[in-house]
Amino acid sequence: MRIIAGKYRSRLLTSPPGTSTRPTSDRLRETLFNILGPSIPESRFVDLFAGTGAVGLEAISRGAAHVYFAENGGPALKSLRTNLTNLKISSGYALEDRSVMALLQRLAKASTPVNIVYLDPPYNEEEAYTQTLGFLGSQANRALLASGALVIAEHASKSPFKLAERYGTLTRTRVYKQGDTSLSFYAALTSAQAEDAG
């Protein structure tokens, strides 16, 4: 596993042994960032269920202004911290090691909205997807997402449950499938668009 492009291009990343952590593959990360393209530089990027931090670290490498990581699994958190240390990244990020919701609640109260949110829960945890996307799409937390913000959920292509087309103000605009893994892209509707959509 490595950084694909940018400042830290080709630098190797560590991950915990075993199968308890499922890092986003190099190939899928390359596809994701090719899709996001010019929206990454100077963005405020959120990496939820961050694992080793590979997605957020890729965003830092490609010029994101600030990356927020949320991860509370012991082995994965250790790898994430090791990767930050090995890359000598000492600023431009924040790490929440309690829970995803702890980070989202803190960001919802902050005055600077975020541009891109990436979430990669364990594929079988339907509640993690529902709770996270529901929070991000709720009217009460509209200030969390900047105008034009994107929310991307990584999930199994053949999941035992289906992600909804809408979560409050979030509406799915695209699904990209790569083998056993898919990415669902959600955009935040404006208040007027949400009313028109019912």
N, C-alpha and C. Protein backbone atom coordinates (compact mmCIF):
# COMPACT_ATOMS: atom_id res chain seq x y z
N MET A 1 0.85 -1.18 0.00
CA MET A 1 0.00 0.00 0.00
C MET A 1 0.89 1.23 0.00
N ARG A 2 0.53 2.21 -0.86
CA ARG A 2 1.39 3.37 -1.03
C ARG A 2 0.56 4.60 -1.34
N ILE A 3 1.20 5.77 -1.24
CA ILE A 3 0.59 7.01 -1.69
C ILE A 3 0.71 7.03 -3.22
N ILE A 4 -0.38 7.37 -3.91
CA ILE A 4 -0.42 7.28 -5.36
C ILE A 4 0.26 8.48 -6.04
N ALA A 5 -0.04 9.69 -5.56
CA ALA A 5 0.45 10.88 -6.26
C ALA A 5 0.63 12.04 -5.27
N GLY A 6 1.26 13.10 -5.77
CA GLY A 6 1.43 14.31 -4.97
C GLY A 6 2.74 14.35 -4.21
N LYS A 7 2.76 15.13 -3.16
CA LYS A 7 3.98 15.38 -2.38
C LYS A 7 4.63 14.11 -1.86
N TYR A 8 3.82 13.15 -1.43
CA TYR A 8 4.35 11.91 -0.84
C TYR A 8 4.24 10.72 -1.79
N ARG A 9 4.19 11.00 -3.08
CA ARG A 9 4.04 9.96 -4.09
C ARG A 9 5.01 8.79 -3.89
N SER A 10 4.46 7.58 -3.98
CA SER A 10 5.19 6.31 -3.88
C SER A 10 5.67 5.95 -2.49
N ARG A 11 5.39 6.80 -1.50
CA ARG A 11 5.78 6.46 -0.13
C ARG A 11 4.89 5.33 0.37
N LEU A 12 5.50 4.35 1.02
CA LEU A 12 4.76 3.18 1.50
C LEU A 12 4.02 3.51 2.79
N LEU A 13 2.87 2.86 2.97
CA LEU A 13 2.06 3.01 4.17
C LEU A 13 2.00 1.68 4.90
N THR A 14 1.90 1.74 6.22
CA THR A 14 1.80 0.52 7.02
C THR A 14 0.33 0.22 7.30
N SER A 15 0.02 -1.04 7.51
CA SER A 15 -1.32 -1.44 7.93
C SER A 15 -1.17 -2.58 8.93
N PRO A 16 -2.15 -2.73 9.82
CA PRO A 16 -2.05 -3.79 10.83
C PRO A 16 -2.14 -5.17 10.20
N PRO A 17 -1.52 -6.16 10.80
CA PRO A 17 -1.63 -7.52 10.27
C PRO A 17 -3.04 -8.06 10.43
N GLY A 18 -3.35 -9.09 9.67
CA GLY A 18 -4.67 -9.71 9.78
C GLY A 18 -5.69 -9.04 8.88
N THR A 19 -6.94 -9.41 9.06
CA THR A 19 -8.02 -8.93 8.19
C THR A 19 -9.01 -8.02 8.90
N SER A 20 -8.70 -7.61 10.14
CA SER A 20 -9.65 -6.77 10.88
C SER A 20 -9.74 -5.37 10.27
N THR A 21 -8.67 -4.93 9.61
CA THR A 21 -8.68 -3.64 8.92
C THR A 21 -8.63 -3.91 7.43
N ARG A 22 -9.49 -3.22 6.66
CA ARG A 22 -9.56 -3.42 5.21
C ARG A 22 -9.22 -2.10 4.52
N PRO A 23 -7.93 -1.84 4.30
CA PRO A 23 -7.56 -0.57 3.67
C PRO A 23 -8.14 -0.45 2.26
N THR A 24 -8.50 0.78 1.88
CA THR A 24 -8.94 1.03 0.51
C THR A 24 -7.77 0.76 -0.42
N SER A 25 -7.98 -0.06 -1.44
CA SER A 25 -6.89 -0.49 -2.31
C SER A 25 -6.28 0.69 -3.07
N ASP A 26 -5.02 0.51 -3.46
CA ASP A 26 -4.34 1.54 -4.24
C ASP A 26 -5.15 1.87 -5.50
N ARG A 27 -5.64 0.83 -6.16
CA ARG A 27 -6.37 1.02 -7.42
C ARG A 27 -7.64 1.84 -7.21
N LEU A 28 -8.40 1.52 -6.15
CA LEU A 28 -9.63 2.26 -5.90
C LEU A 28 -9.33 3.70 -5.48
N ARG A 29 -8.28 3.89 -4.67
CA ARG A 29 -7.91 5.26 -4.28
C ARG A 29 -7.51 6.08 -5.50
N GLU A 30 -6.78 5.46 -6.42
CA GLU A 30 -6.38 6.17 -7.64
C GLU A 30 -7.61 6.59 -8.44
N THR A 31 -8.58 5.67 -8.57
CA THR A 31 -9.82 5.98 -9.27
C THR A 31 -10.57 7.11 -8.57
N LEU A 32 -10.71 7.01 -7.25
CA LEU A 32 -11.41 8.04 -6.48
C LEU A 32 -10.80 9.41 -6.71
N PHE A 33 -9.48 9.50 -6.60
CA PHE A 33 -8.85 10.82 -6.71
C PHE A 33 -8.79 11.32 -8.15
N ASN A 34 -8.84 10.41 -9.11
CA ASN A 34 -8.97 10.84 -10.50
C ASN A 34 -10.34 11.48 -10.72
N ILE A 35 -11.37 10.93 -10.08
CA ILE A 35 -12.72 11.49 -10.19
C ILE A 35 -12.78 12.85 -9.49
N LEU A 36 -12.20 12.94 -8.29
CA LEU A 36 -12.25 14.19 -7.53
C LEU A 36 -11.38 15.28 -8.14
N GLY A 37 -10.25 14.87 -8.70
CA GLY A 37 -9.37 15.76 -9.45
C GLY A 37 -9.09 17.09 -8.79
N PRO A 38 -9.44 18.20 -9.49
CA PRO A 38 -9.07 19.53 -9.01
C PRO A 38 -9.81 20.01 -7.77
N SER A 39 -10.76 19.21 -7.28
CA SER A 39 -11.48 19.63 -6.07
C SER A 39 -10.68 19.37 -4.79
N ILE A 40 -9.56 18.63 -4.89
CA ILE A 40 -8.78 18.29 -3.70
C ILE A 40 -7.91 19.44 -3.20
N PRO A 41 -7.11 20.10 -4.04
CA PRO A 41 -6.25 21.17 -3.52
C PRO A 41 -7.04 22.24 -2.76
N GLU A 42 -6.55 22.57 -1.57
CA GLU A 42 -7.14 23.59 -0.69
C GLU A 42 -8.49 23.18 -0.10
N SER A 43 -8.88 21.93 -0.26
CA SER A 43 -10.16 21.47 0.31
C SER A 43 -10.00 21.13 1.79
N ARG A 44 -11.14 21.05 2.46
CA ARG A 44 -11.20 20.53 3.82
C ARG A 44 -11.84 19.16 3.70
N PHE A 45 -11.06 18.13 3.99
CA PHE A 45 -11.39 16.74 3.65
C PHE A 45 -11.58 15.95 4.94
N VAL A 46 -12.62 15.12 4.98
CA VAL A 46 -12.91 14.32 6.17
C VAL A 46 -12.81 12.84 5.81
N ASP A 47 -12.01 12.09 6.56
CA ASP A 47 -11.80 10.66 6.35
C ASP A 47 -12.39 9.92 7.55
N LEU A 48 -13.61 9.38 7.38
CA LEU A 48 -14.32 8.71 8.47
C LEU A 48 -14.10 7.21 8.40
N PHE A 49 -14.02 6.57 9.57
CA PHE A 49 -13.64 5.16 9.65
C PHE A 49 -12.32 5.00 8.90
N ALA A 50 -11.35 5.83 9.28
CA ALA A 50 -10.16 6.08 8.47
C ALA A 50 -9.22 4.89 8.35
N GLY A 51 -9.29 3.95 9.30
CA GLY A 51 -8.36 2.82 9.24
C GLY A 51 -6.92 3.29 9.29
N THR A 52 -6.13 2.91 8.29
CA THR A 52 -4.72 3.31 8.24
C THR A 52 -4.53 4.76 7.83
N GLY A 53 -5.63 5.41 7.43
CA GLY A 53 -5.55 6.81 6.99
C GLY A 53 -5.17 6.98 5.54
N ALA A 54 -5.16 5.89 4.75
CA ALA A 54 -4.67 5.95 3.37
C ALA A 54 -5.40 6.99 2.52
N VAL A 55 -6.72 7.10 2.66
CA VAL A 55 -7.48 8.03 1.85
C VAL A 55 -7.17 9.48 2.25
N GLY A 56 -7.22 9.75 3.54
CA GLY A 56 -6.91 11.10 4.01
C GLY A 56 -5.48 11.51 3.74
N LEU A 57 -4.55 10.57 3.86
CA LEU A 57 -3.14 10.86 3.57
C LEU A 57 -2.94 11.16 2.10
N GLU A 58 -3.68 10.46 1.25
CA GLU A 58 -3.63 10.76 -0.19
C GLU A 58 -4.12 12.18 -0.44
N ALA A 59 -5.17 12.59 0.28
CA ALA A 59 -5.69 13.95 0.13
C ALA A 59 -4.64 14.98 0.57
N ILE A 60 -3.97 14.72 1.68
CA ILE A 60 -2.90 15.62 2.13
C ILE A 60 -1.81 15.71 1.07
N SER A 61 -1.40 14.56 0.55
CA SER A 61 -0.35 14.51 -0.46
C SER A 61 -0.71 15.34 -1.69
N ARG A 62 -2.00 15.38 -2.01
CA ARG A 62 -2.46 16.08 -3.21
C ARG A 62 -2.88 17.52 -2.94
N GLY A 63 -2.60 18.03 -1.75
CA GLY A 63 -2.77 19.45 -1.50
C GLY A 63 -4.00 19.88 -0.74
N ALA A 64 -4.69 18.95 -0.07
CA ALA A 64 -5.83 19.36 0.76
C ALA A 64 -5.36 20.32 1.85
N ALA A 65 -6.17 21.33 2.14
CA ALA A 65 -5.78 22.32 3.14
C ALA A 65 -5.79 21.73 4.55
N HIS A 66 -6.74 20.86 4.82
CA HIS A 66 -6.85 20.26 6.15
C HIS A 66 -7.61 18.94 6.01
N VAL A 67 -7.14 17.92 6.72
CA VAL A 67 -7.80 16.62 6.71
C VAL A 67 -8.15 16.23 8.14
N TYR A 68 -9.40 15.79 8.33
CA TYR A 68 -9.87 15.31 9.62
C TYR A 68 -10.01 13.80 9.54
N PHE A 69 -9.34 13.09 10.44
CA PHE A 69 -9.42 11.64 10.51
C PHE A 69 -10.28 11.23 11.71
N ALA A 70 -11.10 10.21 11.54
CA ALA A 70 -11.81 9.60 12.68
C ALA A 70 -11.55 8.10 12.65
N GLU A 71 -10.93 7.59 13.70
CA GLU A 71 -10.65 6.16 13.82
C GLU A 71 -10.44 5.83 15.29
N ASN A 72 -11.12 4.77 15.77
CA ASN A 72 -10.95 4.40 17.18
C ASN A 72 -10.57 2.94 17.38
N GLY A 73 -10.30 2.23 16.30
CA GLY A 73 -9.84 0.84 16.43
C GLY A 73 -8.35 0.81 16.75
N GLY A 74 -7.98 0.13 17.83
CA GLY A 74 -6.60 0.15 18.31
C GLY A 74 -5.53 -0.12 17.26
N PRO A 75 -5.53 -1.27 16.58
CA PRO A 75 -4.49 -1.57 15.59
C PRO A 75 -4.47 -0.59 14.43
N ALA A 76 -5.65 -0.23 13.92
CA ALA A 76 -5.73 0.71 12.80
C ALA A 76 -5.23 2.08 13.22
N LEU A 77 -5.62 2.51 14.41
CA LEU A 77 -5.20 3.82 14.92
C LEU A 77 -3.68 3.87 15.07
N LYS A 78 -3.09 2.78 15.54
CA LYS A 78 -1.63 2.71 15.66
C LYS A 78 -0.98 2.86 14.30
N SER A 79 -1.52 2.19 13.28
CA SER A 79 -0.98 2.30 11.92
C SER A 79 -1.12 3.71 11.37
N LEU A 80 -2.28 4.33 11.62
CA LEU A 80 -2.51 5.69 11.14
C LEU A 80 -1.47 6.64 11.74
N ARG A 81 -1.28 6.54 13.04
CA ARG A 81 -0.30 7.41 13.70
C ARG A 81 1.12 7.15 13.19
N THR A 82 1.43 5.87 12.95
CA THR A 82 2.75 5.51 12.41
C THR A 82 2.93 6.12 11.02
N ASN A 83 1.88 6.06 10.19
CA ASN A 83 1.97 6.62 8.85
C ASN A 83 2.18 8.14 8.88
N LEU A 84 1.47 8.82 9.77
CA LEU A 84 1.66 10.27 9.91
C LEU A 84 3.10 10.57 10.33
N THR A 85 3.62 9.79 11.27
CA THR A 85 4.99 9.99 11.74
C THR A 85 6.00 9.71 10.65
N ASN A 86 5.84 8.60 9.94
CA ASN A 86 6.78 8.23 8.89
C ASN A 86 6.82 9.24 7.75
N LEU A 87 5.67 9.85 7.47
CA LEU A 87 5.61 10.86 6.41
C LEU A 87 6.00 12.24 6.92
N LYS A 88 6.26 12.33 8.23
CA LYS A 88 6.64 13.60 8.87
C LYS A 88 5.57 14.68 8.68
N ILE A 89 4.31 14.25 8.81
CA ILE A 89 3.19 15.19 8.73
C ILE A 89 2.86 15.63 10.15
N SER A 90 3.08 16.89 10.43
CA SER A 90 2.88 17.39 11.80
C SER A 90 1.81 18.47 11.89
N SER A 91 1.26 18.88 10.76
CA SER A 91 0.23 19.92 10.76
C SER A 91 -0.71 19.67 9.59
N GLY A 92 -1.81 20.42 9.56
CA GLY A 92 -2.76 20.28 8.46
C GLY A 92 -3.72 19.12 8.63
N TYR A 93 -3.80 18.58 9.85
CA TYR A 93 -4.73 17.48 10.09
C TYR A 93 -5.20 17.50 11.53
N ALA A 94 -6.29 16.79 11.79
CA ALA A 94 -6.78 16.55 13.14
C ALA A 94 -7.21 15.09 13.21
N LEU A 95 -6.95 14.46 14.34
CA LEU A 95 -7.28 13.04 14.52
C LEU A 95 -8.21 12.88 15.70
N GLU A 96 -9.41 12.35 15.43
CA GLU A 96 -10.39 12.06 16.48
C GLU A 96 -10.35 10.56 16.74
N ASP A 97 -9.94 10.18 17.97
CA ASP A 97 -9.80 8.75 18.27
C ASP A 97 -10.91 8.22 19.18
N ARG A 98 -12.00 8.99 19.33
CA ARG A 98 -13.13 8.50 20.13
C ARG A 98 -14.16 7.82 19.23
N SER A 99 -14.73 8.57 18.30
CA SER A 99 -15.74 8.00 17.41
C SER A 99 -15.97 8.92 16.23
N VAL A 100 -16.58 8.36 15.18
CA VAL A 100 -16.96 9.16 14.02
C VAL A 100 -17.94 10.25 14.42
N MET A 101 -18.93 9.90 15.25
CA MET A 101 -19.94 10.89 15.63
C MET A 101 -19.34 12.01 16.47
N ALA A 102 -18.33 11.70 17.27
CA ALA A 102 -17.66 12.75 18.05
C ALA A 102 -17.04 13.78 17.12
N LEU A 103 -16.41 13.32 16.05
CA LEU A 103 -15.82 14.25 15.08
C LEU A 103 -16.90 15.03 14.35
N LEU A 104 -17.94 14.36 13.88
CA LEU A 104 -18.98 15.05 13.12
C LEU A 104 -19.70 16.09 13.98
N GLN A 105 -19.95 15.76 15.24
CA GLN A 105 -20.60 16.73 16.11
C GLN A 105 -19.72 17.95 16.34
N ARG A 106 -18.41 17.72 16.45
CA ARG A 106 -17.48 18.84 16.61
C ARG A 106 -17.44 19.70 15.35
N LEU A 107 -17.41 19.07 14.19
CA LEU A 107 -17.37 19.81 12.94
C LEU A 107 -18.67 20.58 12.69
N ALA A 108 -19.79 19.99 13.11
CA ALA A 108 -21.08 20.66 12.93
C ALA A 108 -21.15 21.97 13.70
N LYS A 109 -20.40 22.05 14.79
CA LYS A 109 -20.39 23.27 15.61
C LYS A 109 -19.32 24.26 15.15
N ALA A 110 -18.41 23.81 14.27
CA ALA A 110 -17.32 24.67 13.82
C ALA A 110 -17.84 25.68 12.80
N SER A 111 -17.07 26.74 12.59
CA SER A 111 -17.49 27.80 11.67
C SER A 111 -16.98 27.58 10.25
N THR A 112 -16.14 26.58 10.03
CA THR A 112 -15.59 26.33 8.70
C THR A 112 -16.13 25.02 8.15
N PRO A 113 -17.01 25.06 7.16
CA PRO A 113 -17.59 23.83 6.62
C PRO A 113 -16.57 23.04 5.80
N VAL A 114 -16.87 21.77 5.59
CA VAL A 114 -15.94 20.88 4.87
C VAL A 114 -16.43 20.66 3.44
N ASN A 115 -15.49 20.27 2.58
CA ASN A 115 -15.79 20.13 1.15
C ASN A 115 -16.03 18.69 0.71
N ILE A 116 -15.30 17.76 1.30
CA ILE A 116 -15.39 16.36 0.90
C ILE A 116 -15.40 15.48 2.14
N VAL A 117 -16.35 14.57 2.20
CA VAL A 117 -16.41 13.59 3.30
C VAL A 117 -16.34 12.20 2.68
N TYR A 118 -15.42 11.38 3.18
CA TYR A 118 -15.27 10.01 2.71
C TYR A 118 -15.54 9.08 3.88
N LEU A 119 -16.44 8.11 3.68
CA LEU A 119 -16.71 7.17 4.77
C LEU A 119 -16.57 5.74 4.28
N ASP A 120 -15.92 4.95 5.09
CA ASP A 120 -15.62 3.56 4.74
C ASP A 120 -15.79 2.67 5.96
N PRO A 121 -17.06 2.51 6.42
CA PRO A 121 -17.31 1.64 7.58
C PRO A 121 -17.10 0.17 7.20
N PRO A 122 -17.06 -0.71 8.18
CA PRO A 122 -17.13 -2.14 7.85
C PRO A 122 -18.35 -2.39 6.96
N TYR A 123 -18.16 -3.11 5.88
CA TYR A 123 -19.21 -3.24 4.87
C TYR A 123 -20.52 -3.81 5.38
N ASN A 124 -20.48 -4.62 6.45
CA ASN A 124 -21.70 -5.26 6.94
C ASN A 124 -22.43 -4.43 7.99
N GLU A 125 -21.92 -3.26 8.34
CA GLU A 125 -22.52 -2.45 9.41
C GLU A 125 -23.48 -1.41 8.84
N GLU A 126 -24.67 -1.85 8.53
CA GLU A 126 -25.68 -0.97 7.92
C GLU A 126 -25.94 0.26 8.78
N GLU A 127 -25.99 0.07 10.10
CA GLU A 127 -26.28 1.19 10.99
C GLU A 127 -25.22 2.29 10.90
N ALA A 128 -23.95 1.88 10.70
CA ALA A 128 -22.88 2.88 10.59
C ALA A 128 -23.10 3.77 9.36
N TYR A 129 -23.51 3.17 8.25
CA TYR A 129 -23.81 3.95 7.05
C TYR A 129 -25.02 4.85 7.29
N THR A 130 -26.09 4.26 7.81
CA THR A 130 -27.34 5.00 7.99
C THR A 130 -27.16 6.16 8.95
N GLN A 131 -26.50 5.91 10.08
CA GLN A 131 -26.31 6.96 11.08
C GLN A 131 -25.43 8.08 10.53
N THR A 132 -24.34 7.72 9.87
CA THR A 132 -23.40 8.73 9.38
C THR A 132 -24.01 9.55 8.25
N LEU A 133 -24.59 8.89 7.26
CA LEU A 133 -25.18 9.62 6.14
C LEU A 133 -26.40 10.41 6.60
N GLY A 134 -27.15 9.86 7.54
CA GLY A 134 -28.30 10.59 8.08
C GLY A 134 -27.89 11.86 8.80
N PHE A 135 -26.80 11.78 9.56
CA PHE A 135 -26.29 12.96 10.26
C PHE A 135 -25.84 14.02 9.25
N LEU A 136 -25.09 13.59 8.25
CA LEU A 136 -24.55 14.52 7.26
C LEU A 136 -25.66 15.17 6.44
N GLY A 137 -26.79 14.44 6.24
CA GLY A 137 -27.88 14.97 5.44
C GLY A 137 -28.96 15.69 6.20
N SER A 138 -28.82 15.76 7.52
CA SER A 138 -29.89 16.37 8.31
C SER A 138 -29.88 17.89 8.20
N GLN A 139 -31.07 18.47 8.22
CA GLN A 139 -31.20 19.93 8.15
C GLN A 139 -30.45 20.61 9.30
N ALA A 140 -30.46 19.97 10.46
CA ALA A 140 -29.83 20.56 11.64
C ALA A 140 -28.32 20.72 11.47
N ASN A 141 -27.74 19.92 10.57
CA ASN A 141 -26.29 19.95 10.41
C ASN A 141 -25.86 20.48 9.04
N ARG A 142 -26.72 21.27 8.41
CA ARG A 142 -26.41 21.79 7.08
C ARG A 142 -25.12 22.60 7.05
N ALA A 143 -24.80 23.27 8.15
CA ALA A 143 -23.61 24.13 8.18
C ALA A 143 -22.32 23.32 8.12
N LEU A 144 -22.41 22.02 8.32
CA LEU A 144 -21.22 21.17 8.30
C LEU A 144 -20.63 21.07 6.89
N LEU A 145 -21.50 21.07 5.87
CA LEU A 145 -21.07 20.88 4.49
C LEU A 145 -21.04 22.20 3.73
N ALA A 146 -19.93 22.45 3.06
CA ALA A 146 -19.79 23.65 2.25
C ALA A 146 -20.68 23.55 1.01
N SER A 147 -20.93 24.66 0.36
CA SER A 147 -21.66 24.65 -0.90
C SER A 147 -20.91 23.78 -1.91
N GLY A 148 -21.62 22.89 -2.56
CA GLY A 148 -20.99 22.01 -3.53
C GLY A 148 -20.25 20.82 -2.94
N ALA A 149 -20.43 20.60 -1.64
CA ALA A 149 -19.72 19.50 -0.97
C ALA A 149 -20.14 18.14 -1.51
N LEU A 150 -19.21 17.20 -1.42
CA LEU A 150 -19.46 15.83 -1.83
C LEU A 150 -19.29 14.90 -0.63
N VAL A 151 -20.15 13.89 -0.55
CA VAL A 151 -20.02 12.83 0.45
C VAL A 151 -19.91 11.52 -0.32
N ILE A 152 -18.85 10.77 -0.07
CA ILE A 152 -18.60 9.53 -0.80
C ILE A 152 -18.57 8.37 0.17
N ALA A 153 -19.39 7.35 -0.10
CA ALA A 153 -19.44 6.16 0.74
C ALA A 153 -18.85 4.98 -0.02
N GLU A 154 -17.86 4.33 0.56
CA GLU A 154 -17.32 3.09 0.00
C GLU A 154 -18.12 1.93 0.57
N HIS A 155 -18.51 0.99 -0.28
CA HIS A 155 -19.33 -0.13 0.19
C HIS A 155 -19.15 -1.32 -0.75
N ALA A 156 -19.61 -2.47 -0.30
CA ALA A 156 -19.53 -3.67 -1.12
C ALA A 156 -20.47 -3.56 -2.31
N SER A 157 -20.01 -4.02 -3.48
CA SER A 157 -20.87 -3.99 -4.67
C SER A 157 -22.08 -4.90 -4.49
N LYS A 158 -21.89 -6.02 -3.82
CA LYS A 158 -22.99 -6.94 -3.52
C LYS A 158 -23.22 -6.94 -2.03
N SER A 159 -23.86 -5.87 -1.56
CA SER A 159 -24.08 -5.69 -0.13
C SER A 159 -25.36 -6.38 0.31
N PRO A 160 -25.42 -6.85 1.57
CA PRO A 160 -26.67 -7.44 2.07
C PRO A 160 -27.77 -6.39 2.28
N PHE A 161 -27.42 -5.11 2.19
CA PHE A 161 -28.41 -4.04 2.28
C PHE A 161 -28.08 -3.00 1.21
N LYS A 162 -29.04 -2.16 0.90
CA LYS A 162 -28.83 -1.14 -0.13
C LYS A 162 -28.80 0.24 0.51
N LEU A 163 -27.86 1.05 0.07
CA LEU A 163 -27.85 2.44 0.50
C LEU A 163 -29.02 3.16 -0.15
N ALA A 164 -29.59 4.11 0.58
CA ALA A 164 -30.73 4.86 0.05
C ALA A 164 -30.26 5.87 -1.00
N GLU A 165 -31.21 6.28 -1.84
CA GLU A 165 -30.90 7.31 -2.83
C GLU A 165 -30.79 8.68 -2.17
N ARG A 166 -31.50 8.84 -1.03
CA ARG A 166 -31.44 10.12 -0.32
C ARG A 166 -31.34 9.89 1.18
N TYR A 167 -30.58 10.77 1.80
CA TYR A 167 -30.50 10.87 3.26
C TYR A 167 -30.70 12.34 3.59
N GLY A 168 -31.93 12.73 3.86
CA GLY A 168 -32.20 14.14 4.12
C GLY A 168 -31.86 14.98 2.91
N THR A 169 -30.93 15.92 3.07
CA THR A 169 -30.55 16.80 1.97
C THR A 169 -29.51 16.17 1.05
N LEU A 170 -29.00 15.00 1.39
CA LEU A 170 -28.04 14.32 0.52
C LEU A 170 -28.76 13.47 -0.51
N THR A 171 -28.39 13.61 -1.75
CA THR A 171 -28.96 12.79 -2.81
C THR A 171 -27.85 12.12 -3.60
N ARG A 172 -28.05 10.85 -3.92
CA ARG A 172 -27.01 10.11 -4.63
C ARG A 172 -26.98 10.55 -6.10
N THR A 173 -25.79 10.90 -6.58
CA THR A 173 -25.64 11.39 -7.94
C THR A 173 -24.91 10.41 -8.84
N ARG A 174 -24.19 9.46 -8.23
CA ARG A 174 -23.37 8.56 -9.04
C ARG A 174 -22.97 7.35 -8.22
N VAL A 175 -22.88 6.20 -8.86
CA VAL A 175 -22.32 5.00 -8.26
C VAL A 175 -21.22 4.49 -9.18
N TYR A 176 -20.03 4.33 -8.64
CA TYR A 176 -18.91 3.81 -9.42
C TYR A 176 -18.55 2.43 -8.87
N LYS A 177 -18.59 1.42 -9.72
CA LYS A 177 -18.30 0.06 -9.30
C LYS A 177 -16.93 -0.37 -9.81
N GLN A 178 -16.14 -0.94 -8.92
CA GLN A 178 -14.84 -1.50 -9.31
C GLN A 178 -14.70 -2.86 -8.64
N GLY A 179 -15.06 -3.90 -9.37
CA GLY A 179 -14.99 -5.24 -8.81
C GLY A 179 -15.97 -5.42 -7.67
N ASP A 180 -15.46 -5.88 -6.54
CA ASP A 180 -16.31 -6.15 -5.37
C ASP A 180 -16.65 -4.89 -4.57
N THR A 181 -16.08 -3.75 -4.96
CA THR A 181 -16.25 -2.52 -4.20
C THR A 181 -16.92 -1.44 -5.05
N SER A 182 -17.77 -0.66 -4.42
CA SER A 182 -18.43 0.45 -5.11
C SER A 182 -18.28 1.74 -4.31
N LEU A 183 -18.38 2.85 -5.01
CA LEU A 183 -18.38 4.17 -4.39
C LEU A 183 -19.69 4.85 -4.73
N SER A 184 -20.43 5.29 -3.72
CA SER A 184 -21.65 6.07 -3.93
C SER A 184 -21.35 7.53 -3.62
N PHE A 185 -21.63 8.39 -4.59
CA PHE A 185 -21.37 9.83 -4.44
C PHE A 185 -22.69 10.53 -4.12
N TYR A 186 -22.68 11.33 -3.06
CA TYR A 186 -23.85 12.09 -2.65
C TYR A 186 -23.53 13.59 -2.67
N ALA A 187 -24.47 14.37 -3.15
CA ALA A 187 -24.34 15.83 -3.13
C ALA A 187 -25.42 16.40 -2.22
N ALA A 188 -25.09 17.51 -1.60
CA ALA A 188 -26.04 18.15 -0.68
C ALA A 188 -26.94 19.10 -1.46
N LEU A 189 -28.24 18.89 -1.34
CA LEU A 189 -29.20 19.79 -1.98
C LEU A 189 -29.28 21.10 -1.21
N THR A 190 -29.53 22.18 -1.91
CA THR A 190 -29.82 23.45 -1.25
C THR A 190 -31.22 23.34 -0.62
N SER A 191 -31.56 24.28 0.22
CA SER A 191 -32.89 24.26 0.87
C SER A 191 -34.00 24.26 -0.18
N ALA A 192 -33.83 25.08 -1.23
CA ALA A 192 -34.86 25.17 -2.26
C ALA A 192 -34.96 23.86 -3.02
N GLN A 193 -33.83 23.27 -3.36
CA GLN A 193 -33.84 21.99 -4.07
C GLN A 193 -34.48 20.88 -3.21
N ALA A 194 -34.17 20.89 -1.92
CA ALA A 194 -34.73 19.88 -1.02
C ALA A 194 -36.24 19.99 -0.96
N GLU A 195 -36.77 21.24 -0.95
CA GLU A 195 -38.20 21.45 -0.91
C GLU A 195 -38.85 20.98 -2.21
N ASP A 196 -38.20 21.28 -3.36
CA ASP A 196 -38.72 20.85 -4.65
C ASP A 196 -38.74 19.35 -4.79
N ALA A 197 -37.71 18.69 -4.17
CA ALA A 197 -37.61 17.23 -4.27
C ALA A 197 -38.58 16.54 -3.33
N GLY A 198 -39.20 17.32 -2.46
CA GLY A 198 -40.18 16.75 -1.53
C GLY A 198 -39.53 16.29 -0.27
